[in-house]
Structures are given as structure tokens and as C-alpha cells.
């Protein structure tokens, strides 16, 4: 199978055993810090719009893992995954906006992305929203709202 055929066959509607095996192998390579191999396995999946693959490529691009650091690609992949509702990518994009990492710093945008991730019960995003409400960053300061988000995060 050619790379083009493989990419065409790896769509969200066509979750074949080969697709799942490639995804699991790519994730395993990523988690084992075999980033060059992870990139090879995950790139066709990311190009086929798989959010977990896109998120992992964003992390690799953002930190120069197995490749030269490329903030532009990191933002592209992170946004692609976040816009599909992938909570970890929404959280990651929130940090990018909060810190101005590859995007113009925008605390209001950061809050919006953290909120989407927090609504998926990601404790880190919930805690970050608590901090942002406590400090009045990107939102009006609201200590009650901060407490509510901290409580959701388990603090």
C-alpha cells in the first residue's frame, strides 16, 4: 500500500484494524520516547484528521522531540485537534494562548480553551480556570468561581 493509499484509508469513518494498530503503535512509540518512529506512524493519521495523532505531533513539534522545534506546526496540529473537541489539545492550546507560545498572547482565548477542556473533566484545566478566576486573568476576578473550579479539580 502506498503512503497516499494509506492516508486515504485512514479516515475517522474507516477505523480498520490496521488503522487502530498504527495508532496504538504510534502512541506506544511516543510514550517510549521513540519520537522519530512516532512521527512516522502518526503523521498519516494526523493528516487523516485523527485528533490524538494531531495532539502528539503538536507536542513533538512544540518541544523539538524527534524533529527540529517548529512552533508554527505545533499550533497547526494543536488547533486541529482542539477544534475536534480533543480535551488535551484544548488544554494545550489554552496554555499556548496564555503564554503566547506560537500565537499572540490572549488570556481571554486561553480561558475559552481551558473551559472547553475543563468541561470534559480534565482536572488540570479545571485547576487552571480556578487560578485564572482567582487572579482575574482573562476573566473578571471571581473568588467564588475560582473555588468552584478548584473543587471540581479535587482541591
N, C-alpha and C. Protein backbone atom coordinates (compact mmCIF):
# COMPACT_ATOMS: atom_id res chain seq x y z
N UNK A 1 0.85 -1.18 0.00
CA UNK A 1 0.00 0.00 0.00
C UNK A 1 0.90 1.24 0.00
N UNK A 2 0.59 2.22 -0.85
CA UNK A 2 1.39 3.44 -0.90
C UNK A 2 1.00 4.36 0.24
N UNK A 3 1.85 5.36 0.50
CA UNK A 3 1.53 6.32 1.55
C UNK A 3 0.23 7.04 1.26
N UNK A 4 -0.01 7.38 -0.03
CA UNK A 4 -1.24 8.08 -0.40
C UNK A 4 -2.44 7.19 -0.12
N UNK A 5 -2.37 5.91 -0.54
CA UNK A 5 -3.48 5.00 -0.29
C UNK A 5 -3.70 4.82 1.21
N UNK A 6 -2.60 4.70 1.95
CA UNK A 6 -2.71 4.51 3.40
C UNK A 6 -3.41 5.70 4.03
N UNK A 7 -3.04 6.93 3.64
CA UNK A 7 -3.66 8.13 4.19
C UNK A 7 -5.14 8.17 3.83
N UNK A 8 -5.48 7.83 2.58
CA UNK A 8 -6.88 7.84 2.17
C UNK A 8 -7.70 6.83 2.95
N UNK A 9 -7.11 5.71 3.31
CA UNK A 9 -7.84 4.68 4.03
C UNK A 9 -7.97 4.97 5.52
N UNK A 10 -7.21 5.93 6.03
CA UNK A 10 -7.20 6.21 7.46
C UNK A 10 -8.11 7.39 7.78
N UNK A 11 -9.40 7.21 7.58
CA UNK A 11 -10.36 8.25 7.91
C UNK A 11 -11.10 7.85 9.17
N UNK A 12 -11.73 8.83 9.81
CA UNK A 12 -12.47 8.58 11.05
C UNK A 12 -13.59 7.55 10.83
N UNK A 13 -14.14 7.54 9.61
CA UNK A 13 -15.23 6.61 9.32
C UNK A 13 -14.74 5.20 9.03
N UNK A 14 -13.45 5.04 8.84
CA UNK A 14 -12.90 3.75 8.43
C UNK A 14 -11.87 3.26 9.45
N UNK A 15 -12.31 3.02 10.65
CA UNK A 15 -11.41 2.58 11.71
C UNK A 15 -11.12 1.10 11.57
N UNK A 16 -10.20 0.79 10.68
CA UNK A 16 -9.84 -0.60 10.43
C UNK A 16 -8.88 -1.09 11.51
N UNK A 17 -8.68 -2.38 11.54
CA UNK A 17 -7.73 -2.97 12.49
C UNK A 17 -6.33 -2.41 12.22
N UNK A 18 -6.00 -2.21 10.94
CA UNK A 18 -4.69 -1.66 10.60
C UNK A 18 -4.54 -0.23 11.13
N UNK A 19 -5.60 0.55 11.00
CA UNK A 19 -5.62 1.93 11.49
C UNK A 19 -5.38 1.94 13.00
N UNK A 20 -6.14 1.13 13.72
CA UNK A 20 -6.01 1.09 15.17
C UNK A 20 -4.64 0.59 15.60
N UNK A 21 -4.11 -0.37 14.87
CA UNK A 21 -2.78 -0.89 15.19
C UNK A 21 -1.73 0.20 14.96
N UNK A 22 -1.86 0.94 13.88
CA UNK A 22 -0.92 2.03 13.60
C UNK A 22 -1.02 3.11 14.67
N UNK A 23 -2.24 3.46 15.06
CA UNK A 23 -2.43 4.46 16.11
C UNK A 23 -1.81 3.99 17.42
N UNK A 24 -2.11 2.78 17.81
CA UNK A 24 -1.57 2.25 19.07
C UNK A 24 -0.05 2.15 19.03
N UNK A 25 0.50 1.76 17.88
CA UNK A 25 1.96 1.69 17.74
C UNK A 25 2.58 3.08 17.81
N UNK A 26 1.93 4.05 17.19
CA UNK A 26 2.42 5.43 17.24
C UNK A 26 2.40 6.00 18.64
N UNK A 27 1.31 5.73 19.37
CA UNK A 27 1.21 6.19 20.76
C UNK A 27 2.26 5.50 21.62
N UNK A 28 2.44 4.20 21.41
CA UNK A 28 3.46 3.46 22.18
C UNK A 28 4.85 4.01 21.90
N UNK A 29 5.14 4.32 20.65
CA UNK A 29 6.45 4.89 20.30
C UNK A 29 6.62 6.26 20.96
N UNK A 30 5.57 7.06 20.93
CA UNK A 30 5.60 8.38 21.57
C UNK A 30 5.89 8.24 23.06
N UNK A 31 5.15 7.37 23.72
CA UNK A 31 5.29 7.19 25.16
C UNK A 31 6.63 6.56 25.54
N UNK A 32 7.24 5.82 24.60
CA UNK A 32 8.56 5.23 24.82
C UNK A 32 9.68 6.19 24.42
N UNK A 33 9.29 7.41 24.04
CA UNK A 33 10.24 8.44 23.62
C UNK A 33 11.00 8.08 22.34
N UNK A 34 10.39 7.26 21.51
CA UNK A 34 10.92 6.94 20.19
C UNK A 34 10.24 7.89 19.20
N UNK A 35 10.61 9.15 19.28
CA UNK A 35 9.85 10.19 18.60
C UNK A 35 9.94 10.14 17.08
N UNK A 36 11.08 9.74 16.53
CA UNK A 36 11.17 9.65 15.07
C UNK A 36 10.19 8.59 14.57
N UNK A 37 10.15 7.46 15.25
CA UNK A 37 9.21 6.39 14.85
C UNK A 37 7.76 6.84 15.09
N UNK A 38 7.52 7.50 16.18
CA UNK A 38 6.17 8.01 16.47
C UNK A 38 5.72 8.95 15.36
N UNK A 39 6.61 9.82 14.92
CA UNK A 39 6.28 10.75 13.84
C UNK A 39 5.91 10.00 12.57
N UNK A 40 6.71 9.01 12.21
CA UNK A 40 6.44 8.23 11.00
C UNK A 40 5.06 7.56 11.06
N UNK A 41 4.70 7.05 12.22
CA UNK A 41 3.43 6.35 12.36
C UNK A 41 2.24 7.31 12.49
N UNK A 42 2.44 8.40 13.19
CA UNK A 42 1.32 9.29 13.50
C UNK A 42 1.02 10.31 12.41
N UNK A 43 2.01 10.68 11.60
CA UNK A 43 1.77 11.70 10.57
C UNK A 43 0.63 11.35 9.63
N UNK A 44 0.58 10.14 9.05
CA UNK A 44 -0.56 9.85 8.16
C UNK A 44 -1.91 9.91 8.90
N UNK A 45 -1.91 9.52 10.16
CA UNK A 45 -3.15 9.58 10.93
C UNK A 45 -3.55 11.03 11.20
N UNK A 46 -2.57 11.87 11.53
CA UNK A 46 -2.85 13.28 11.77
C UNK A 46 -3.37 13.94 10.50
N UNK A 47 -2.75 13.61 9.38
CA UNK A 47 -3.21 14.17 8.10
C UNK A 47 -4.61 13.69 7.75
N UNK A 48 -5.00 12.51 8.27
CA UNK A 48 -6.34 11.98 8.06
C UNK A 48 -7.31 12.50 9.12
N UNK A 49 -6.84 13.48 9.92
CA UNK A 49 -7.68 14.21 10.86
C UNK A 49 -7.94 13.47 12.17
N UNK A 50 -7.02 12.63 12.61
CA UNK A 50 -7.19 11.96 13.90
C UNK A 50 -6.65 12.87 15.00
N UNK A 51 -7.49 13.28 15.95
CA UNK A 51 -7.08 14.29 16.93
C UNK A 51 -5.97 13.84 17.88
N UNK A 52 -5.94 12.59 18.29
CA UNK A 52 -4.88 12.15 19.20
C UNK A 52 -3.53 12.19 18.49
N UNK A 53 -3.50 11.78 17.24
CA UNK A 53 -2.26 11.85 16.46
C UNK A 53 -1.85 13.31 16.27
N UNK A 54 -2.80 14.17 15.97
CA UNK A 54 -2.51 15.60 15.80
C UNK A 54 -1.95 16.20 17.09
N UNK A 55 -2.55 15.86 18.21
CA UNK A 55 -2.09 16.36 19.51
C UNK A 55 -0.65 15.95 19.78
N UNK A 56 -0.34 14.70 19.54
CA UNK A 56 1.02 14.20 19.81
C UNK A 56 2.04 14.84 18.87
N UNK A 57 1.66 15.06 17.61
CA UNK A 57 2.56 15.77 16.69
C UNK A 57 2.76 17.21 17.15
N UNK A 58 1.72 17.81 17.70
CA UNK A 58 1.84 19.18 18.23
C UNK A 58 2.86 19.22 19.37
N UNK A 59 2.77 18.28 20.28
CA UNK A 59 3.71 18.22 21.41
C UNK A 59 5.14 18.03 20.90
N UNK A 60 5.30 17.12 19.94
CA UNK A 60 6.63 16.87 19.38
C UNK A 60 7.17 18.12 18.68
N UNK A 61 6.35 18.79 17.91
CA UNK A 61 6.76 20.00 17.20
C UNK A 61 7.07 21.13 18.18
N UNK A 62 6.25 21.26 19.19
CA UNK A 62 6.40 22.33 20.17
C UNK A 62 7.70 22.21 20.96
N UNK A 63 8.12 20.98 21.23
CA UNK A 63 9.28 20.74 22.09
C UNK A 63 10.50 20.22 21.35
N UNK A 64 10.41 20.07 20.04
CA UNK A 64 11.55 19.58 19.27
C UNK A 64 11.88 18.13 19.60
N UNK A 65 10.87 17.30 19.74
CA UNK A 65 11.06 15.89 20.07
C UNK A 65 11.10 15.06 18.79
N UNK A 66 12.28 14.56 18.42
CA UNK A 66 12.43 13.77 17.20
C UNK A 66 12.44 14.61 15.94
N UNK A 67 12.48 15.90 16.10
CA UNK A 67 12.46 16.84 14.97
C UNK A 67 12.95 18.19 15.45
N UNK A 68 13.18 19.08 14.52
CA UNK A 68 13.51 20.45 14.87
C UNK A 68 12.25 21.11 15.41
N UNK A 69 12.39 21.86 16.48
CA UNK A 69 11.25 22.57 17.07
C UNK A 69 10.60 23.45 16.00
N UNK A 70 9.27 23.37 15.92
CA UNK A 70 8.55 24.14 14.91
C UNK A 70 7.23 24.60 15.52
N UNK A 71 7.24 25.81 16.04
CA UNK A 71 6.08 26.35 16.74
C UNK A 71 4.88 26.51 15.81
N UNK A 72 5.12 26.86 14.56
CA UNK A 72 4.02 27.02 13.60
C UNK A 72 3.27 25.70 13.40
N UNK A 73 4.03 24.61 13.23
CA UNK A 73 3.40 23.30 13.10
C UNK A 73 2.71 22.89 14.40
N UNK A 74 3.33 23.22 15.52
CA UNK A 74 2.74 22.87 16.81
C UNK A 74 1.35 23.51 16.95
N UNK A 75 1.26 24.77 16.61
CA UNK A 75 -0.03 25.48 16.69
C UNK A 75 -1.03 24.86 15.72
N UNK A 76 -0.58 24.57 14.51
CA UNK A 76 -1.48 24.00 13.49
C UNK A 76 -2.08 22.68 13.97
N UNK A 77 -1.22 21.78 14.46
CA UNK A 77 -1.71 20.47 14.91
C UNK A 77 -2.55 20.60 16.18
N UNK A 78 -2.13 21.46 17.11
CA UNK A 78 -2.88 21.62 18.37
C UNK A 78 -4.27 22.16 18.09
N UNK A 79 -4.36 23.17 17.21
CA UNK A 79 -5.67 23.73 16.86
C UNK A 79 -6.55 22.70 16.17
N UNK A 80 -5.96 21.93 15.27
CA UNK A 80 -6.74 20.93 14.54
C UNK A 80 -7.37 19.93 15.51
N UNK A 81 -6.59 19.48 16.48
CA UNK A 81 -7.12 18.52 17.46
C UNK A 81 -8.10 19.19 18.42
N UNK A 82 -7.79 20.40 18.86
CA UNK A 82 -8.66 21.11 19.80
C UNK A 82 -10.02 21.42 19.17
N UNK A 83 -10.01 21.81 17.91
CA UNK A 83 -11.27 22.13 17.23
C UNK A 83 -12.15 20.91 17.04
N UNK A 84 -11.57 19.72 17.15
CA UNK A 84 -12.37 18.49 17.08
C UNK A 84 -12.87 18.07 18.46
N UNK A 85 -12.57 18.86 19.48
CA UNK A 85 -13.05 18.56 20.82
C UNK A 85 -12.12 17.68 21.64
N UNK A 86 -10.86 17.53 21.22
CA UNK A 86 -9.91 16.71 21.96
C UNK A 86 -9.42 17.49 23.17
N UNK A 87 -9.83 17.06 24.35
CA UNK A 87 -9.62 17.80 25.59
C UNK A 87 -8.18 18.16 25.88
N UNK A 88 -7.26 17.21 25.70
CA UNK A 88 -5.85 17.51 25.98
C UNK A 88 -5.33 18.60 25.05
N UNK A 89 -5.79 18.60 23.81
CA UNK A 89 -5.37 19.64 22.87
C UNK A 89 -6.00 20.98 23.24
N UNK A 90 -7.24 20.97 23.69
CA UNK A 90 -7.87 22.21 24.14
C UNK A 90 -7.08 22.80 25.31
N UNK A 91 -6.69 21.93 26.23
CA UNK A 91 -5.87 22.36 27.37
C UNK A 91 -4.53 22.90 26.88
N UNK A 92 -3.89 22.19 25.96
CA UNK A 92 -2.61 22.63 25.42
C UNK A 92 -2.71 23.96 24.68
N UNK A 93 -3.78 24.13 23.92
CA UNK A 93 -3.98 25.38 23.19
C UNK A 93 -4.24 26.52 24.18
N UNK A 94 -4.94 26.21 25.26
CA UNK A 94 -5.14 27.21 26.31
C UNK A 94 -3.80 27.73 26.83
N UNK A 95 -2.87 26.83 27.08
CA UNK A 95 -1.53 27.25 27.54
C UNK A 95 -0.81 28.06 26.48
N UNK A 96 -0.97 27.67 25.23
CA UNK A 96 -0.30 28.41 24.16
C UNK A 96 -0.79 29.86 24.15
N UNK A 97 -2.10 30.06 24.28
CA UNK A 97 -2.64 31.42 24.33
C UNK A 97 -2.26 32.13 25.62
N UNK A 98 -2.21 31.43 26.70
CA UNK A 98 -1.86 32.03 27.99
C UNK A 98 -0.43 32.55 27.99
N UNK A 99 0.46 31.78 27.37
CA UNK A 99 1.89 32.12 27.37
C UNK A 99 2.33 32.86 26.11
N UNK A 100 1.48 32.89 25.08
CA UNK A 100 1.90 33.47 23.81
C UNK A 100 2.91 32.59 23.10
N UNK A 101 2.72 31.29 23.21
CA UNK A 101 3.63 30.32 22.61
C UNK A 101 3.14 29.94 21.21
N UNK A 102 3.68 30.62 20.21
CA UNK A 102 3.32 30.34 18.82
C UNK A 102 2.08 31.08 18.35
N UNK A 103 1.41 31.72 19.26
CA UNK A 103 0.23 32.53 18.96
C UNK A 103 0.37 33.84 19.74
N UNK A 104 -0.40 34.82 19.35
CA UNK A 104 -0.38 36.07 20.12
C UNK A 104 -1.00 35.79 21.49
N UNK A 105 -0.34 36.25 22.53
CA UNK A 105 -0.85 36.04 23.89
C UNK A 105 -2.25 36.63 24.00
N UNK A 106 -3.18 35.81 24.51
CA UNK A 106 -4.57 36.24 24.62
C UNK A 106 -5.21 35.45 25.76
N UNK A 107 -5.28 36.07 26.92
CA UNK A 107 -5.80 35.37 28.10
C UNK A 107 -7.28 35.04 27.98
N UNK A 108 -8.04 35.84 27.24
CA UNK A 108 -9.46 35.55 27.03
C UNK A 108 -9.61 34.28 26.21
N UNK A 109 -8.80 34.15 25.15
CA UNK A 109 -8.81 32.92 24.35
C UNK A 109 -8.35 31.74 25.19
N UNK A 110 -7.35 31.96 26.02
CA UNK A 110 -6.86 30.88 26.90
C UNK A 110 -7.99 30.37 27.77
N UNK A 111 -8.73 31.26 28.38
CA UNK A 111 -9.85 30.87 29.24
C UNK A 111 -10.87 30.04 28.45
N UNK A 112 -11.17 30.48 27.25
CA UNK A 112 -12.16 29.77 26.42
C UNK A 112 -11.72 28.34 26.16
N UNK A 113 -10.44 28.13 25.83
CA UNK A 113 -9.94 26.78 25.55
C UNK A 113 -9.85 25.96 26.83
N UNK A 114 -9.39 26.57 27.93
CA UNK A 114 -9.35 25.84 29.20
C UNK A 114 -10.75 25.41 29.63
N UNK A 115 -11.74 26.28 29.40
CA UNK A 115 -13.12 25.95 29.79
C UNK A 115 -13.63 24.72 29.01
N UNK A 116 -13.34 24.68 27.71
CA UNK A 116 -13.76 23.52 26.91
C UNK A 116 -13.12 22.23 27.44
N UNK A 117 -11.86 22.30 27.80
CA UNK A 117 -11.18 21.13 28.35
C UNK A 117 -11.73 20.80 29.74
N UNK A 118 -11.97 21.81 30.54
CA UNK A 118 -12.48 21.60 31.90
C UNK A 118 -13.86 20.96 31.88
N UNK A 119 -14.66 21.31 30.90
CA UNK A 119 -16.00 20.74 30.79
C UNK A 119 -15.95 19.26 30.42
N UNK A 120 -14.76 18.78 30.02
CA UNK A 120 -14.56 17.35 29.76
C UNK A 120 -13.92 16.67 30.98
N UNK A 121 -13.98 17.36 32.11
CA UNK A 121 -13.49 16.84 33.39
C UNK A 121 -11.97 16.66 33.44
N UNK A 122 -11.23 17.47 32.73
CA UNK A 122 -9.78 17.45 32.85
C UNK A 122 -9.40 18.32 34.05
N UNK A 123 -8.91 17.67 35.08
CA UNK A 123 -8.62 18.35 36.34
C UNK A 123 -7.62 19.48 36.17
N UNK A 124 -6.62 19.30 35.33
CA UNK A 124 -5.63 20.35 35.13
C UNK A 124 -6.25 21.61 34.56
N UNK A 125 -7.16 21.46 33.63
CA UNK A 125 -7.85 22.61 33.05
C UNK A 125 -8.78 23.25 34.08
N UNK A 126 -9.44 22.43 34.89
CA UNK A 126 -10.30 22.96 35.94
C UNK A 126 -9.49 23.78 36.95
N UNK A 127 -8.33 23.24 37.34
CA UNK A 127 -7.46 23.96 38.28
C UNK A 127 -6.96 25.26 37.66
N UNK A 128 -6.61 25.22 36.38
CA UNK A 128 -6.13 26.44 35.72
C UNK A 128 -7.23 27.49 35.67
N UNK A 129 -8.46 27.07 35.41
CA UNK A 129 -9.57 28.03 35.43
C UNK A 129 -9.71 28.63 36.82
N UNK A 130 -9.56 27.81 37.85
CA UNK A 130 -9.60 28.32 39.21
C UNK A 130 -8.56 29.40 39.42
N UNK A 131 -7.35 29.15 38.95
CA UNK A 131 -6.26 30.12 39.08
C UNK A 131 -6.57 31.39 38.31
N UNK A 132 -7.07 31.25 37.10
CA UNK A 132 -7.36 32.43 36.28
C UNK A 132 -8.48 33.27 36.89
N UNK A 133 -9.50 32.62 37.43
CA UNK A 133 -10.56 33.38 38.11
C UNK A 133 -10.03 34.02 39.39
N UNK A 134 -9.18 33.32 40.10
CA UNK A 134 -8.61 33.86 41.33
C UNK A 134 -7.77 35.10 41.04
N UNK A 135 -7.02 35.06 39.96
CA UNK A 135 -6.12 36.17 39.61
C UNK A 135 -6.77 37.22 38.71
N UNK A 136 -7.95 36.91 38.18
CA UNK A 136 -8.61 37.85 37.27
C UNK A 136 -7.88 37.99 35.94
N UNK A 137 -7.38 36.87 35.43
CA UNK A 137 -6.66 36.86 34.15
C UNK A 137 -7.57 36.29 33.06
N UNK A 138 -7.94 37.12 32.10
CA UNK A 138 -8.80 36.69 31.00
C UNK A 138 -10.27 36.67 31.35
N UNK A 139 -10.56 36.86 32.62
CA UNK A 139 -11.93 36.92 33.14
C UNK A 139 -11.92 37.91 34.31
N UNK A 140 -13.07 38.45 34.65
CA UNK A 140 -13.11 39.28 35.86
C UNK A 140 -12.77 38.41 37.08
N UNK A 141 -12.04 39.00 38.02
CA UNK A 141 -11.70 38.24 39.23
C UNK A 141 -12.99 37.83 39.94
N UNK A 142 -13.07 36.53 40.29
CA UNK A 142 -14.26 35.99 40.94
C UNK A 142 -13.82 34.83 41.83
N UNK A 143 -13.67 35.12 43.12
CA UNK A 143 -13.14 34.12 44.04
C UNK A 143 -14.10 32.95 44.24
N UNK A 144 -15.39 33.19 44.14
CA UNK A 144 -16.36 32.09 44.26
C UNK A 144 -16.26 31.15 43.07
N UNK A 145 -16.11 31.73 41.90
CA UNK A 145 -15.96 30.90 40.69
C UNK A 145 -14.63 30.14 40.75
N UNK A 146 -13.60 30.80 41.27
CA UNK A 146 -12.31 30.13 41.45
C UNK A 146 -12.47 28.92 42.37
N UNK A 147 -13.15 29.10 43.48
CA UNK A 147 -13.37 27.98 44.42
C UNK A 147 -14.14 26.85 43.77
N UNK A 148 -15.13 27.21 42.94
CA UNK A 148 -15.94 26.20 42.27
C UNK A 148 -15.07 25.35 41.34
N UNK A 149 -14.20 26.00 40.57
CA UNK A 149 -13.33 25.26 39.66
C UNK A 149 -12.29 24.46 40.42
N UNK A 150 -11.75 25.01 41.48
CA UNK A 150 -10.79 24.26 42.31
C UNK A 150 -11.45 22.99 42.87
N UNK A 151 -12.69 23.14 43.34
CA UNK A 151 -13.42 22.00 43.90
C UNK A 151 -13.64 20.92 42.83
N UNK A 152 -14.00 21.34 41.63
CA UNK A 152 -14.18 20.38 40.53
C UNK A 152 -12.88 19.63 40.24
N UNK A 153 -11.75 20.34 40.41
CA UNK A 153 -10.45 19.74 40.15
C UNK A 153 -9.99 18.83 41.29
N UNK A 154 -10.74 18.85 42.38
CA UNK A 154 -10.39 17.99 43.50
C UNK A 154 -9.52 18.65 44.55
N UNK A 155 -9.45 19.98 44.52
CA UNK A 155 -8.65 20.70 45.53
C UNK A 155 -9.50 21.14 46.68
